[in-house]
């Protein structure tokens, strides 16, 4: 009976060790996959940020070229408009929807 009990406890210990090993292996694999996914996400974010910065730079250059072309053609602005919006991006298409989005037009005399 002692041998049977010893054999059973050895089997129980072996099963416990195997369970811990498989759990650790699975956790390690999951952590590795998570790290890889995080790295891919960071890479995509960097790429998107770089593309966004390039688009912003192109837009600024384009706006600058338009303003230079207008002045070069002999056209001068007849007034200025002041708004709560710093750029045209983010302005509502239908101004009545945003009552606080007021602007002031100053025409030169």
PDB file of N, CA and C in Angstrom:
ATOM      1  N   UNK A   1       0.816  -1.197   0.000  1.00  0.00           N
ATOM      2  CA  UNK A   1       0.000   0.000   0.000  1.00  0.00           C
ATOM      3  C   UNK A   1       0.863   1.266   0.000  1.00  0.00           C
ATOM      4  N   UNK A   2       1.977   1.193   0.671  1.00  0.00           N
ATOM      5  CA  UNK A   2       2.865   2.333   0.727  1.00  0.00           C
ATOM      6  C   UNK A   2       3.401   2.664  -0.664  1.00  0.00           C
ATOM      7  N   UNK A   3       3.702   1.631  -1.437  1.00  0.00           N
ATOM      8  CA  UNK A   3       4.209   1.847  -2.793  1.00  0.00           C
ATOM      9  C   UNK A   3       3.139   2.472  -3.679  1.00  0.00           C
ATOM     10  N   UNK A   4       1.899   2.057  -3.496  1.00  0.00           N
ATOM     11  CA  UNK A   4       0.794   2.619  -4.278  1.00  0.00           C
ATOM     12  C   UNK A   4       0.601   4.089  -3.919  1.00  0.00           C
ATOM     13  N   UNK A   5       0.666   4.392  -2.633  1.00  0.00           N
ATOM     14  CA  UNK A   5       0.500   5.774  -2.189  1.00  0.00           C
ATOM     15  C   UNK A   5       1.648   6.636  -2.707  1.00  0.00           C
ATOM     16  N   UNK A   6       2.864   6.114  -2.668  1.00  0.00           N
ATOM     17  CA  UNK A   6       4.024   6.852  -3.163  1.00  0.00           C
ATOM     18  C   UNK A   6       3.895   7.066  -4.668  1.00  0.00           C
ATOM     19  N   UNK A   7       3.467   6.045  -5.387  1.00  0.00           N
ATOM     20  CA  UNK A   7       3.282   6.163  -6.830  1.00  0.00           C
ATOM     21  C   UNK A   7       2.207   7.189  -7.166  1.00  0.00           C
ATOM     22  N   UNK A   8       1.136   7.214  -6.371  1.00  0.00           N
ATOM     23  CA  UNK A   8       0.055   8.171  -6.612  1.00  0.00           C
ATOM     24  C   UNK A   8       0.531   9.595  -6.348  1.00  0.00           C
ATOM     25  N   UNK A   9       1.320   9.767  -5.296  1.00  0.00           N
ATOM     26  CA  UNK A   9       1.795  11.127  -5.001  1.00  0.00           C
ATOM     27  C   UNK A   9       2.798  11.585  -6.059  1.00  0.00           C
ATOM     28  N   UNK A  10       3.628  10.659  -6.580  1.00  0.00           N
ATOM     29  CA  UNK A  10       4.557  11.007  -7.651  1.00  0.00           C
ATOM     30  C   UNK A  10       3.772  11.425  -8.899  1.00  0.00           C
ATOM     31  N   UNK A  11       2.712  10.691  -9.191  1.00  0.00           N
ATOM     32  CA  UNK A  11       1.872  11.042 -10.348  1.00  0.00           C
ATOM     33  C   UNK A  11       1.214  12.404 -10.137  1.00  0.00           C
ATOM     34  N   UNK A  12       0.769  12.673  -8.919  1.00  0.00           N
ATOM     35  CA  UNK A  12       0.133  13.955  -8.625  1.00  0.00           C
ATOM     36  C   UNK A  12       1.137  15.097  -8.773  1.00  0.00           C
ATOM     37  N   UNK A  13       2.347  14.892  -8.272  1.00  0.00           N
ATOM     38  CA  UNK A  13       3.388  15.919  -8.392  1.00  0.00           C
ATOM     39  C   UNK A  13       3.740  16.128  -9.864  1.00  0.00           C
ATOM     40  N   UNK A  14       3.881  15.048 -10.613  1.00  0.00           N
ATOM     41  CA  UNK A  14       4.202  15.148 -12.030  1.00  0.00           C
ATOM     42  C   UNK A  14       3.086  15.879 -12.783  1.00  0.00           C
ATOM     43  N   UNK A  15       1.854  15.577 -12.441  1.00  0.00           N
ATOM     44  CA  UNK A  15       0.722  16.262 -13.089  1.00  0.00           C
ATOM     45  C   UNK A  15       0.735  17.744 -12.747  1.00  0.00           C
ATOM     46  N   UNK A  16       1.041  18.069 -11.510  1.00  0.00           N
ATOM     47  CA  UNK A  16       1.119  19.473 -11.092  1.00  0.00           C
ATOM     48  C   UNK A  16       2.231  20.211 -11.826  1.00  0.00           C
ATOM     49  N   UNK A  17       3.381  19.569 -11.909  1.00  0.00           N
ATOM     50  CA  UNK A  17       4.510  20.176 -12.615  1.00  0.00           C
ATOM     51  C   UNK A  17       4.150  20.370 -14.076  1.00  0.00           C
ATOM     52  N   UNK A  18       3.545  19.378 -14.694  1.00  0.00           N
ATOM     53  CA  UNK A  18       3.153  19.487 -16.099  1.00  0.00           C
ATOM     54  C   UNK A  18       2.146  20.617 -16.299  1.00  0.00           C
ATOM     55  N   UNK A  19       1.181  20.741 -15.407  1.00  0.00           N
ATOM     56  CA  UNK A  19       0.179  21.807 -15.490  1.00  0.00           C
ATOM     57  C   UNK A  19       0.840  23.180 -15.396  1.00  0.00           C
ATOM     58  N   UNK A  20       1.741  23.347 -14.440  1.00  0.00           N
ATOM     59  CA  UNK A  20       2.444  24.625 -14.269  1.00  0.00           C
ATOM     60  C   UNK A  20       3.280  24.934 -15.509  1.00  0.00           C
ATOM     61  N   UNK A  21       3.971  23.914 -16.030  1.00  0.00           N
ATOM     62  CA  UNK A  21       4.803  24.112 -17.222  1.00  0.00           C
ATOM     63  C   UNK A  21       3.959  24.556 -18.409  1.00  0.00           C
ATOM     64  N   UNK A  22       2.839  23.866 -18.639  1.00  0.00           N
ATOM     65  CA  UNK A  22       1.996  24.220 -19.785  1.00  0.00           C
ATOM     66  C   UNK A  22       1.367  25.603 -19.600  1.00  0.00           C
ATOM     67  N   UNK A  23       0.989  25.947 -18.374  1.00  0.00           N
ATOM     68  CA  UNK A  23       0.428  27.276 -18.110  1.00  0.00           C
ATOM     69  C   UNK A  23       1.473  28.362 -18.377  1.00  0.00           C
ATOM     70  N   UNK A  24       2.688  28.145 -17.902  1.00  0.00           N
ATOM     71  CA  UNK A  24       3.754  29.125 -18.114  1.00  0.00           C
ATOM     72  C   UNK A  24       4.103  29.247 -19.596  1.00  0.00           C
ATOM     73  N   UNK A  25       4.130  28.124 -20.279  1.00  0.00           N
ATOM     74  CA  UNK A  25       4.420  28.135 -21.705  1.00  0.00           C
ATOM     75  C   UNK A  25       3.339  28.888 -22.468  1.00  0.00           C
ATOM     76  N   UNK A  26       2.086  28.635 -22.120  1.00  0.00           N
ATOM     77  CA  UNK A  26       0.975  29.316 -22.790  1.00  0.00           C
ATOM     78  C   UNK A  26       1.018  30.812 -22.473  1.00  0.00           C
ATOM     79  N   UNK A  27       1.310  31.166 -21.225  1.00  0.00           N
ATOM     80  CA  UNK A  27       1.372  32.572 -20.839  1.00  0.00           C
ATOM     81  C   UNK A  27       2.516  33.271 -21.569  1.00  0.00           C
ATOM     82  N   UNK A  28       3.658  32.582 -21.651  1.00  0.00           N
ATOM     83  CA  UNK A  28       4.809  33.162 -22.350  1.00  0.00           C
ATOM     84  C   UNK A  28       4.478  33.389 -23.827  1.00  0.00           C
ATOM     85  N   UNK A  29       3.828  32.420 -24.453  1.00  0.00           N
ATOM     86  CA  UNK A  29       3.449  32.565 -25.862  1.00  0.00           C
ATOM     87  C   UNK A  29       2.458  33.704 -26.032  1.00  0.00           C
ATOM     88  N   UNK A  30       1.498  33.813 -25.128  1.00  0.00           N
ATOM     89  CA  UNK A  30       0.518  34.895 -25.206  1.00  0.00           C
ATOM     90  C   UNK A  30       1.188  36.248 -24.995  1.00  0.00           C
ATOM     91  N   UNK A  31       2.126  36.324 -24.061  1.00  0.00           N
ATOM     92  CA  UNK A  31       2.844  37.580 -23.820  1.00  0.00           C
ATOM     93  C   UNK A  31       3.688  37.958 -25.035  1.00  0.00           C
ATOM     94  N   UNK A  32       4.294  36.970 -25.676  1.00  0.00           N
ATOM     95  CA  UNK A  32       5.090  37.217 -26.876  1.00  0.00           C
ATOM     96  C   UNK A  32       4.200  37.755 -27.994  1.00  0.00           C
ATOM     97  N   UNK A  33       3.030  37.145 -28.194  1.00  0.00           N
ATOM     98  CA  UNK A  33       2.107  37.612 -29.229  1.00  0.00           C
ATOM     99  C   UNK A  33       1.606  39.018 -28.911  1.00  0.00           C
ATOM    100  N   UNK A  34       1.340  39.278 -27.644  1.00  0.00           N
ATOM    101  CA  UNK A  34       0.894  40.607 -27.247  1.00  0.00           C
ATOM    102  C   UNK A  34       1.967  41.645 -27.536  1.00  0.00           C
ATOM    103  N   UNK A  35       3.200  41.332 -27.214  1.00  0.00           N
ATOM    104  CA  UNK A  35       4.315  42.251 -27.459  1.00  0.00           C
ATOM    105  C   UNK A  35       4.475  42.510 -28.963  1.00  0.00           C
ATOM    106  N   UNK A  36       4.362  41.450 -29.767  1.00  0.00           N
ATOM    107  CA  UNK A  36       4.452  41.613 -31.213  1.00  0.00           C
ATOM    108  C   UNK A  36       3.331  42.509 -31.738  1.00  0.00           C
ATOM    109  N   UNK A  37       2.125  42.308 -31.221  1.00  0.00           N
ATOM    110  CA  UNK A  37       0.987  43.127 -31.641  1.00  0.00           C
ATOM    111  C   UNK A  37       1.198  44.583 -31.239  1.00  0.00           C
ATOM    112  N   UNK A  38       1.703  44.808 -30.032  1.00  0.00           N
ATOM    113  CA  UNK A  38       1.977  46.172 -29.580  1.00  0.00           C
ATOM    114  C   UNK A  38       3.027  46.836 -30.466  1.00  0.00           C
ATOM    115  N   UNK A  39       4.062  46.093 -30.832  1.00  0.00           N
ATOM    116  CA  UNK A  39       5.108  46.637 -31.708  1.00  0.00           C
ATOM    117  C   UNK A  39       4.559  46.975 -33.085  1.00  0.00           C
ATOM    118  N   UNK A  40       3.699  46.093 -33.625  1.00  0.00           N
ATOM    119  CA  UNK A  40       3.087  46.371 -34.936  1.00  0.00           C
ATOM    120  C   UNK A  40       2.200  47.606 -34.847  1.00  0.00           C
ATOM    121  N   UNK A  41       1.450  47.729 -33.757  1.00  0.00           N
ATOM    122  CA  UNK A  41       0.579  48.885 -33.576  1.00  0.00           C
ATOM    123  C   UNK A  41       1.400  50.172 -33.503  1.00  0.00           C
ATOM    124  N   UNK A  42       2.497  50.154 -32.759  1.00  0.00           N
ATOM    125  CA  UNK A  42       3.362  51.330 -32.675  1.00  0.00           C
ATOM    126  C   UNK A  42       3.918  51.685 -34.047  1.00  0.00           C
ATOM    127  N   UNK A  43       4.302  50.677 -34.803  1.00  0.00           N
ATOM    128  CA  UNK A  43       4.844  50.909 -36.143  1.00  0.00           C
ATOM    129  C   UNK A  43       3.796  51.558 -37.049  1.00  0.00           C
ATOM    130  N   UNK A  44       2.579  51.055 -36.986  1.00  0.00           N
ATOM    131  CA  UNK A  44       1.498  51.620 -37.795  1.00  0.00           C
ATOM    132  C   UNK A  44       1.208  53.054 -37.350  1.00  0.00           C
ATOM    133  N   UNK A  45       1.207  53.305 -36.044  1.00  0.00           N
ATOM    134  CA  UNK A  45       0.963  54.656 -35.542  1.00  0.00           C
ATOM    135  C   UNK A  45       2.043  55.622 -36.021  1.00  0.00           C
ATOM    136  N   UNK A  46       3.289  55.195 -35.992  1.00  0.00           N
ATOM    137  CA  UNK A  46       4.382  56.044 -36.462  1.00  0.00           C
ATOM    138  C   UNK A  46       4.209  56.347 -37.947  1.00  0.00           C
ATOM    139  N   UNK A  47       3.868  55.320 -38.722  1.00  0.00           N
ATOM    140  CA  UNK A  47       3.653  55.510 -40.151  1.00  0.00           C
ATOM    141  C   UNK A  47       2.514  56.491 -40.412  1.00  0.00           C
ATOM    142  N   UNK A  48       1.403  56.313 -39.696  1.00  0.00           N
ATOM    143  CA  UNK A  48       0.268  57.209 -39.880  1.00  0.00           C
ATOM    144  C   UNK A  48       0.609  58.636 -39.462  1.00  0.00           C
ATOM    145  N   UNK A  49       1.343  58.787 -38.362  1.00  0.00           N
ATOM    146  CA  UNK A  49       1.760  60.116 -37.924  1.00  0.00           C
ATOM    147  C   UNK A  49       2.656  60.783 -38.963  1.00  0.00           C
ATOM    148  N   UNK A  50       3.583  60.013 -39.520  1.00  0.00           N
ATOM    149  CA  UNK A  50       4.472  60.556 -40.558  1.00  0.00           C
ATOM    150  C   UNK A  50       3.686  60.977 -41.797  1.00  0.00           C
ATOM    151  N   UNK A  51       2.720  60.142 -42.200  1.00  0.00           N
ATOM    152  CA  UNK A  51       1.896  60.475 -43.360  1.00  0.00           C
ATOM    153  C   UNK A  51       1.077  61.731 -43.087  1.00  0.00           C
ATOM    154  N   UNK A  52       0.533  61.837 -41.881  1.00  0.00           N
ATOM    155  CA  UNK A  52      -0.262  63.016 -41.511  1.00  0.00           C
ATOM    156  C   UNK A  52       0.601  64.278 -41.555  1.00  0.00           C
ATOM    157  N   UNK A  53       1.798  64.190 -40.993  1.00  0.00           N
ATOM    158  CA  UNK A  53       2.697  65.356 -41.009  1.00  0.00           C
ATOM    159  C   UNK A  53       3.051  65.749 -42.441  1.00  0.00           C
ATOM    160  N   UNK A  54       3.255  64.759 -43.300  1.00  0.00           N
ATOM    161  CA  UNK A  54       3.569  65.052 -44.705  1.00  0.00           C
ATOM    162  C   UNK A  54       2.381  65.729 -45.385  1.00  0.00           C
ATOM    163  N   UNK A  55       1.153  65.262 -45.107  1.00  0.00           N
ATOM    164  CA  UNK A  55      -0.032  65.892 -45.698  1.00  0.00           C
ATOM    165  C   UNK A  55      -0.188  67.324 -45.211  1.00  0.00           C
ATOM    166  N   UNK A  56       0.054  67.551 -43.919  1.00  0.00           N
ATOM    167  CA  UNK A  56      -0.048  68.905 -43.372  1.00  0.00           C
ATOM    168  C   UNK A  56       0.980  69.814 -44.031  1.00  0.00           C
ATOM    169  N   UNK A  57       2.205  69.315 -44.186  1.00  0.00           N
ATOM    170  CA  UNK A  57       3.258  70.105 -44.823  1.00  0.00           C
ATOM    171  C   UNK A  57       2.880  70.447 -46.262  1.00  0.00           C
ATOM    172  N   UNK A  58       2.370  69.469 -47.007  1.00  0.00           N
ATOM    173  CA  UNK A  58       1.957  69.714 -48.387  1.00  0.00           C
ATOM    174  C   UNK A  58       0.837  70.745 -48.453  1.00  0.00           C
ATOM    175  N   UNK A  59      -0.119  70.645 -47.519  1.00  0.00           N
ATOM    176  CA  UNK A  59      -1.238  71.584 -47.511  1.00  0.00           C
ATOM    177  C   UNK A  59      -0.752  73.000 -47.228  1.00  0.00           C
ATOM    178  N   UNK A  60       0.180  73.149 -46.278  1.00  0.00           N
ATOM    179  CA  UNK A  60       0.722  74.471 -45.969  1.00  0.00           C
ATOM    180  C   UNK A  60       1.478  75.043 -47.159  1.00  0.00           C
ATOM    181  N   UNK A  61       2.263  74.206 -47.833  1.00  0.00           N
ATOM    182  CA  UNK A  61       2.996  74.664 -49.016  1.00  0.00           C
ATOM    183  C   UNK A  61       2.028  75.081 -50.119  1.00  0.00           C
ATOM    184  N   UNK A  62       0.966  74.297 -50.285  1.00  0.00           N
ATOM    185  CA  UNK A  62      -0.025  74.606 -51.306  1.00  0.00           C
ATOM    186  C   UNK A  62      -0.712  75.936 -50.991  1.00  0.00           C
ATOM    187  N   UNK A  63      -1.094  76.141 -49.728  1.00  0.00           N
ATOM    188  CA  UNK A  63      -1.731  77.400 -49.341  1.00  0.00           C
ATOM    189  C   UNK A  63      -0.778  78.566 -49.549  1.00  0.00           C
ATOM    190  N   UNK A  64       0.486  78.374 -49.202  1.00  0.00           N
ATOM    191  CA  UNK A  64       1.478  79.431 -49.385  1.00  0.00           C
ATOM    192  C   UNK A  64       1.632  79.778 -50.866  1.00  0.00           C
ATOM    193  N   UNK A  65       1.673  78.748 -51.701  1.00  0.00           N
ATOM    194  CA  UNK A  65       1.797  78.977 -53.148  1.00  0.00           C
ATOM    195  C   UNK A  65       0.583  79.712 -53.702  1.00  0.00           C
ATOM    196  N   UNK A  66      -0.603  79.393 -53.213  1.00  0.00           N
ATOM    197  CA  UNK A  66      -1.820  80.062 -53.675  1.00  0.00           C
ATOM    198  C   UNK A  66      -1.776  81.533 -53.290  1.00  0.00           C
ATOM    199  N   UNK A  67      -1.397  81.813 -52.039  1.00  0.00           N
ATOM    200  CA  UNK A  67      -1.322  83.208 -51.594  1.00  0.00           C
ATOM    201  C   UNK A  67      -0.279  83.981 -52.397  1.00  0.00           C
ATOM    202  N   UNK A  68       0.854  83.365 -52.680  1.00  0.00           N
ATOM    203  CA  UNK A  68       1.884  84.033 -53.484  1.00  0.00           C
ATOM    204  C   UNK A  68       1.387  84.272 -54.907  1.00  0.00           C
ATOM    205  N   UNK A  69       0.674  83.316 -55.468  1.00  0.00           N
ATOM    206  CA  UNK A  69       0.156  83.463 -56.830  1.00  0.00           C
ATOM    207  C   UNK A  69      -0.852  84.604 -56.904  1.00  0.00           C
ATOM    208  N   UNK A  70      -1.701  84.702 -55.895  1.00  0.00           N
ATOM    209  CA  UNK A  70      -2.711  85.760 -55.886  1.00  0.00           C
ATOM    210  C   UNK A  70      -2.032  87.124 -55.811  1.00  0.00           C
ATOM    211  N   UNK A  71      -1.070  87.274 -54.931  1.00  0.00           N
ATOM    212  CA  UNK A  71      -0.368  88.555 -54.801  1.00  0.00           C
ATOM    213  C   UNK A  71       0.458  88.852 -56.060  1.00  0.00           C
ATOM    214  N   UNK A  72       1.054  87.829 -56.649  1.00  0.00           N
ATOM    215  CA  UNK A  72       1.859  88.012 -57.859  1.00  0.00           C
ATOM    216  C   UNK A  72       0.987  88.462 -59.024  1.00  0.00           C
ATOM    217  N   UNK A  73      -0.249  88.031 -59.045  1.00  0.00           N
ATOM    218  CA  UNK A  73      -1.163  88.390 -60.128  1.00  0.00           C
ATOM    219  C   UNK A  73      -1.683  89.807 -59.970  1.00  0.00           C
ATOM    220  N   UNK A  74      -1.300  90.490 -58.899  1.00  0.00           N
ATOM    221  CA  UNK A  74      -1.733  91.861 -58.707  1.00  0.00           C
ATOM    222  C   UNK A  74      -3.022  91.984 -57.925  1.00  0.00           C
ATOM    223  N   UNK A  75      -3.495  90.906 -57.380  1.00  0.00           N
ATOM    224  CA  UNK A  75      -4.719  90.940 -56.586  1.00  0.00           C
ATOM    225  C   UNK A  75      -4.356  91.167 -55.121  1.00  0.00           C
ATOM    226  N   UNK A  76      -5.086  92.041 -54.496  1.00  0.00           N
ATOM    227  CA  UNK A  76      -4.882  92.306 -53.075  1.00  0.00           C
ATOM    228  C   UNK A  76      -6.179  91.994 -52.341  1.00  0.00           C
ATOM    229  N   UNK A  77      -6.070  91.545 -51.121  1.00  0.00           N
ATOM    230  CA  UNK A  77      -7.289  91.277 -50.349  1.00  0.00           C
ATOM    231  C   UNK A  77      -8.055  92.575 -50.077  1.00  0.00           C
ATOM    232  N   UNK A  78      -9.375  92.490 -50.085  1.00  0.00           N
ATOM    233  CA  UNK A  78     -10.193  93.673 -49.800  1.00  0.00           C
ATOM    234  C   UNK A  78     -10.660  93.693 -48.353  1.00  0.00           C
ATOM    235  N   UNK A  79     -10.356  92.638 -47.630  1.00  0.00           N
ATOM    236  CA  UNK A  79     -10.760  92.587 -46.236  1.00  0.00           C
ATOM    237  C   UNK A  79     -10.244  91.335 -45.573  1.00  0.00           C
ATOM    238  N   UNK A  80     -10.561  91.234 -44.306  1.00  0.00           N
ATOM    239  CA  UNK A  80     -10.169  90.053 -43.549  1.00  0.00           C
ATOM    240  C   UNK A  80     -11.371  89.558 -42.762  1.00  0.00           C
ATOM    241  N   UNK A  81     -11.333  88.301 -42.462  1.00  0.00           N
ATOM    242  CA  UNK A  81     -12.389  87.713 -41.654  1.00  0.00           C
ATOM    243  C   UNK A  81     -11.745  87.093 -40.425  1.00  0.00           C
ATOM    244  N   UNK A  82     -12.332  87.348 -39.299  1.00  0.00           N
ATOM    245  CA  UNK A  82     -11.846  86.791 -38.040  1.00  0.00           C
ATOM    246  C   UNK A  82     -12.908  85.847 -37.512  1.00  0.00           C
ATOM    247  N   UNK A  83     -12.437  84.688 -37.087  1.00  0.00           N
ATOM    248  CA  UNK A  83     -13.351  83.628 -36.662  1.00  0.00           C
ATOM    249  C   UNK A  83     -12.784  82.926 -35.446  1.00  0.00           C
ATOM    250  N   UNK A  84     -13.634  82.143 -34.800  1.00  0.00           N
ATOM    251  CA  UNK A  84     -13.152  81.330 -33.678  1.00  0.00           C
ATOM    252  C   UNK A  84     -12.315  80.162 -34.177  1.00  0.00           C
ATOM    253  N   UNK A  85     -12.360  79.914 -35.478  1.00  0.00           N
ATOM    254  CA  UNK A  85     -11.598  78.817 -36.062  1.00  0.00           C
ATOM    255  C   UNK A  85     -10.290  79.357 -36.612  1.00  0.00           C
ATOM    256  N   UNK A  86      -9.185  78.717 -36.240  1.00  0.00           N
ATOM    257  CA  UNK A  86      -7.872  79.180 -36.685  1.00  0.00           C
ATOM    258  C   UNK A  86      -7.599  78.800 -38.136  1.00  0.00           C
ATOM    259  N   UNK A  87      -8.067  77.636 -38.542  1.00  0.00           N
ATOM    260  CA  UNK A  87      -7.888  77.155 -39.914  1.00  0.00           C
ATOM    261  C   UNK A  87      -9.247  76.746 -40.450  1.00  0.00           C
ATOM    262  N   UNK A  88      -9.303  76.454 -41.719  1.00  0.00           N
ATOM    263  CA  UNK A  88     -10.581  76.039 -42.288  1.00  0.00           C
ATOM    264  C   UNK A  88     -10.961  74.626 -41.852  1.00  0.00           C
ATOM    265  N   UNK A  89      -9.972  73.861 -41.397  1.00  0.00           N
ATOM    266  CA  UNK A  89     -10.248  72.498 -40.957  1.00  0.00           C
ATOM    267  C   UNK A  89     -11.037  72.538 -39.653  1.00  0.00           C
ATOM    268  N   UNK A  90     -12.088  71.772 -39.578  1.00  0.00           N
ATOM    269  CA  UNK A  90     -12.896  71.729 -38.365  1.00  0.00           C
ATOM    270  C   UNK A  90     -14.054  72.710 -38.370  1.00  0.00           C
ATOM    271  N   UNK A  91     -14.126  73.551 -39.380  1.00  0.00           N
ATOM    272  CA  UNK A  91     -15.249  74.486 -39.439  1.00  0.00           C
ATOM    273  C   UNK A  91     -16.485  73.750 -39.926  1.00  0.00           C
ATOM    274  N   UNK A  92     -17.645  74.075 -39.371  1.00  0.00           N
ATOM    275  CA  UNK A  92     -18.863  73.380 -39.811  1.00  0.00           C
ATOM    276  C   UNK A  92     -19.276  73.835 -41.208  1.00  0.00           C
ATOM    277  N   UNK A  93     -19.843  72.948 -41.961  1.00  0.00           N
ATOM    278  CA  UNK A  93     -20.312  73.312 -43.300  1.00  0.00           C
ATOM    279  C   UNK A  93     -21.605  74.111 -43.218  1.00  0.00           C
ATOM    280  N   UNK A  94     -22.380  73.827 -42.208  1.00  0.00           N
ATOM    281  CA  UNK A  94     -23.624  74.565 -42.004  1.00  0.00           C
ATOM    282  C   UNK A  94     -23.457  75.392 -40.733  1.00  0.00           C
ATOM    283  N   UNK A  95     -23.176  76.663 -40.899  1.00  0.00           N
ATOM    284  CA  UNK A  95     -22.841  77.535 -39.790  1.00  0.00           C
ATOM    285  C   UNK A  95     -23.953  77.705 -38.767  1.00  0.00           C
ATOM    286  N   UNK A  96     -25.204  77.574 -39.174  1.00  0.00           N
ATOM    287  CA  UNK A  96     -26.303  77.761 -38.235  1.00  0.00           C
ATOM    288  C   UNK A  96     -26.378  76.661 -37.191  1.00  0.00           C
ATOM    289  N   UNK A  97     -25.739  75.548 -37.451  1.00  0.00           N
ATOM    290  CA  UNK A  97     -25.757  74.442 -36.494  1.00  0.00           C
ATOM    291  C   UNK A  97     -24.933  74.777 -35.256  1.00  0.00           C
ATOM    292  N   UNK A  98     -23.897  75.616 -35.424  1.00  0.00           N
ATOM    293  CA  UNK A  98     -23.002  75.973 -34.315  1.00  0.00           C
ATOM    294  C   UNK A  98     -23.192  77.464 -34.025  1.00  0.00           C
ATOM    295  N   UNK A  99     -24.084  77.818 -33.088  1.00  0.00           N
ATOM    296  CA  UNK A  99     -24.353  79.230 -32.838  1.00  0.00           C
ATOM    297  C   UNK A  99     -23.155  79.994 -32.272  1.00  0.00           C
ATOM    298  N   UNK A 100     -22.243  79.310 -31.594  1.00  0.00           N
ATOM    299  CA  UNK A 100     -21.074  79.989 -31.030  1.00  0.00           C
ATOM    300  C   UNK A 100     -19.959  80.172 -32.059  1.00  0.00           C
ATOM    301  N   UNK A 101     -20.132  79.676 -33.259  1.00  0.00           N
ATOM    302  CA  UNK A 101     -19.113  79.772 -34.302  1.00  0.00           C
ATOM    303  C   UNK A 101     -19.249  81.059 -35.099  1.00  0.00           C
ATOM    304  N   UNK A 102     -19.224  82.179 -34.437  1.00  0.00           N
ATOM    305  CA  UNK A 102     -19.388  83.487 -35.085  1.00  0.00           C
ATOM    306  C   UNK A 102     -18.092  83.948 -35.743  1.00  0.00           C
ATOM    307  N   UNK A 103     -18.227  84.866 -36.692  1.00  0.00           N
ATOM    308  CA  UNK A 103     -17.081  85.459 -37.368  1.00  0.00           C
ATOM    309  C   UNK A 103     -17.355  86.942 -37.591  1.00  0.00           C
ATOM    310  N   UNK A 104     -16.291  87.682 -37.813  1.00  0.00           N
ATOM    311  CA  UNK A 104     -16.410  89.122 -38.065  1.00  0.00           C
ATOM    312  C   UNK A 104     -15.658  89.428 -39.361  1.00  0.00           C
ATOM    313  N   UNK A 105     -16.322  90.124 -40.260  1.00  0.00           N
ATOM    314  CA  UNK A 105     -15.736  90.498 -41.537  1.00  0.00           C
ATOM    315  C   UNK A 105     -15.375  91.981 -41.493  1.00  0.00           C
ATOM    316  N   UNK A 106     -14.109  92.277 -41.765  1.00  0.00           N
ATOM    317  CA  UNK A 106     -13.636  93.669 -41.797  1.00  0.00           C
ATOM    318  C   UNK A 106     -13.216  93.978 -43.228  1.00  0.00           C
ATOM    319  N   UNK A 107     -13.963  94.857 -43.888  1.00  0.00           N
ATOM    320  CA  UNK A 107     -13.665  95.238 -45.271  1.00  0.00           C
ATOM    321  C   UNK A 107     -12.835  96.513 -45.239  1.00  0.00           C
ATOM    322  N   UNK A 108     -11.758  96.512 -45.989  1.00  0.00           N
ATOM    323  CA  UNK A 108     -10.877  97.694 -46.059  1.00  0.00           C
ATOM    324  C   UNK A 108     -11.559  98.787 -46.870  1.00  0.00           C
ATOM    325  N   UNK A 109     -11.364 100.003 -46.421  1.00  0.00           N
ATOM    326  CA  UNK A 109     -11.980 101.140 -47.119  1.00  0.00           C
ATOM    327  C   UNK A 109     -11.037 101.741 -48.144  1.00  0.00           C
TER     328      UNK A 109
END
